[in-house]
């Protein structure tokens, strides 16, 4: 990839939306919205709630479906010669397997990113990513139907994320994305109601994500992508030092649509100023302390 800086899934639409401001080729790779085997309508409004140090979203995984994405939007990335990571999900094992199996290898598809925060409707709604055994089983089954490198995106809503990460890797995951949003609720005191429940992202999530990256990168041998509360270049550098080999930027883009290009430049400036040729020089150095 051109850069170790990516967008977080769902934060740049289908890629074309950011083009009036900057080109997707700026990214190391574009991470798609979560795609499902069939189009999904998502949740009713309200869908976003601003908190003091973060944002709660309840989009509900709205997407056009995997077929329409590749028919309508993938040619745009081919034209731009920009690699993509395909984030995907399902509400059953069969949906995960079918979705991954539909995505054919292409030189521009560098990885599949498996969203394991989804509720398993056949298991009473428990998240696929909450139990090591469940993670192992679903990752192993999906890995068997694709030749594309498979990354597991893990939820922080677990007792021990290292156990979950280890289970994913033992099942064949080629990498990890750490972490997804935390469950949260917005509360409107004036109206005396809870307008939405969803996933909490933004700066408040950074310390949780950094710990997950730090601990998991020491426990497993596969590459880790760090995500959660990265707002500027020094946040990104912190994730590299904690053990991430790439990072994803999400909420920052909603505050400043130029956040990603600024972070890419800021990381490059940091490396130059400190005599480093690449991020390889700083990846995981916090593990040595």
Foldseek 3Di string as FASTA:
>chain_A
DVFLEEADAPFCALQPNLVVPPHPQLHLAYEYHAAWQAFDQFDDDPAWDDDPFWIFGRRRSGDHHDVCSVVPRVVVCVVVVGAYEYEYEDLALVGLQVRLLVDADDPRHQEYEYEQQFFNVVVVGHTCQADLVSLLVSLLSNVVRDPHQYEYEHELPYPDVLSSLVSNVVSPHQEYEFYWFDWDWDADVVVGGTRDIGGIAAQVFLVVQLVSLLVNLVNDPHAYETEGHDQAQVSQLSSQLSAHPHYHHHPNCVVPVCRRVRNRVSVVVVCVVVVHDDSVVRGNNVVVD
